[in-house]
Amino acid sequence: IKKFEKVAVLKIYNNKDLIDTQDLFAQEDITNKNIFFKGIQNISHYILQ
């Protein structure tokens, strides 16, 4: 995953109030890949509602 993609996902999260940043980074073992795909999943769900 490229850094700018992760930043874009986090910005969308913050703008749409879909996630709390503290929750996102709560687990020390979370990976950038998990953050990215979880973000895409949540964004897709938000758009499709």
C-alpha atoms as a PDB file:
ATOM      1  CA  ILE A   1       0.000   0.000   0.000  1.00  0.00           C
ATOM      2  CA  LYS A   2       1.238   3.456  -0.867  1.00  0.00           C
ATOM      3  CA  LYS A   3       1.346   6.061   1.848  1.00  0.00           C
ATOM      4  CA  PHE A   4      -0.926   8.495   0.015  1.00  0.00           C
ATOM      5  CA  GLU A   5      -3.638   5.847  -0.294  1.00  0.00           C
ATOM      6  CA  LYS A   6      -3.660   5.296   3.468  1.00  0.00           C
ATOM      7  CA  VAL A   7      -3.811   9.035   4.099  1.00  0.00           C
ATOM      8  CA  ALA A   8      -6.741   9.368   1.684  1.00  0.00           C
ATOM      9  CA  VAL A   9      -8.665   6.615   3.455  1.00  0.00           C
ATOM     10  CA  LEU A  10      -8.017   8.159   6.867  1.00  0.00           C
ATOM     11  CA  LYS A  11      -9.170  11.555   5.603  1.00  0.00           C
ATOM     12  CA  ILE A  12     -12.396  10.033   4.286  1.00  0.00           C
ATOM     13  CA  TYR A  13     -12.929   8.303   7.633  1.00  0.00           C
ATOM     14  CA  ASN A  14     -12.491  11.582   9.482  1.00  0.00           C
ATOM     15  CA  ASN A  15     -14.710  13.538   7.096  1.00  0.00           C
ATOM     16  CA  LYS A  16     -17.541  11.026   7.249  1.00  0.00           C
ATOM     17  CA  ASP A  17     -17.159  10.299  10.974  1.00  0.00           C
ATOM     18  CA  LEU A  18     -17.036   6.585  10.164  1.00  0.00           C
ATOM     19  CA  ILE A  19     -14.278   5.689  12.586  1.00  0.00           C
ATOM     20  CA  ASP A  20     -12.454   6.933  15.655  1.00  0.00           C
ATOM     21  CA  THR A  21      -8.715   7.251  15.097  1.00  0.00           C
ATOM     22  CA  GLN A  22      -7.965   5.867  18.553  1.00  0.00           C
ATOM     23  CA  ASP A  23      -9.938   2.733  17.722  1.00  0.00           C
ATOM     24  CA  LEU A  24      -8.150   2.410  14.383  1.00  0.00           C
ATOM     25  CA  PHE A  25      -4.745   2.242  16.042  1.00  0.00           C
ATOM     26  CA  ALA A  26      -5.815   0.450  19.220  1.00  0.00           C
ATOM     27  CA  GLN A  27      -4.300  -2.874  18.171  1.00  0.00           C
ATOM     28  CA  GLU A  28      -0.522  -2.790  17.966  1.00  0.00           C
ATOM     29  CA  ASP A  29      -0.437  -5.607  15.420  1.00  0.00           C
ATOM     30  CA  ILE A  30      -2.711  -3.900  12.880  1.00  0.00           C
ATOM     31  CA  THR A  31      -1.121  -3.483   9.464  1.00  0.00           C
ATOM     32  CA  ASN A  32      -1.389  -0.772   6.831  1.00  0.00           C
ATOM     33  CA  LYS A  33      -3.030  -3.347   4.582  1.00  0.00           C
ATOM     34  CA  ASN A  34      -5.727  -4.080   7.149  1.00  0.00           C
ATOM     35  CA  ILE A  35      -6.362  -0.365   7.626  1.00  0.00           C
ATOM     36  CA  PHE A  36      -6.664   0.132   3.866  1.00  0.00           C
ATOM     37  CA  PHE A  37      -9.042  -2.737   3.145  1.00  0.00           C
ATOM     38  CA  LYS A  38     -11.154  -2.069   6.228  1.00  0.00           C
ATOM     39  CA  GLY A  39     -11.391   1.517   5.021  1.00  0.00           C
ATOM     40  CA  ILE A  40     -12.499   0.505   1.538  1.00  0.00           C
ATOM     41  CA  GLN A  41     -15.103  -1.847   3.013  1.00  0.00           C
ATOM     42  CA  ASN A  42     -16.562   0.825   5.282  1.00  0.00           C
ATOM     43  CA  ILE A  43     -16.514   3.488   2.567  1.00  0.00           C
ATOM     44  CA  SER A  44     -18.284   1.127   0.150  1.00  0.00           C
ATOM     45  CA  HIS A  45     -20.931   0.377   2.781  1.00  0.00           C
ATOM     46  CA  TYR A  46     -21.408   4.103   3.393  1.00  0.00           C
ATOM     47  CA  ILE A  47     -21.785   4.871  -0.325  1.00  0.00           C
ATOM     48  CA  LEU A  48     -24.216   2.010  -0.944  1.00  0.00           C
ATOM     49  CA  GLN A  49     -26.590   2.961   1.871  1.00  0.00           C
END
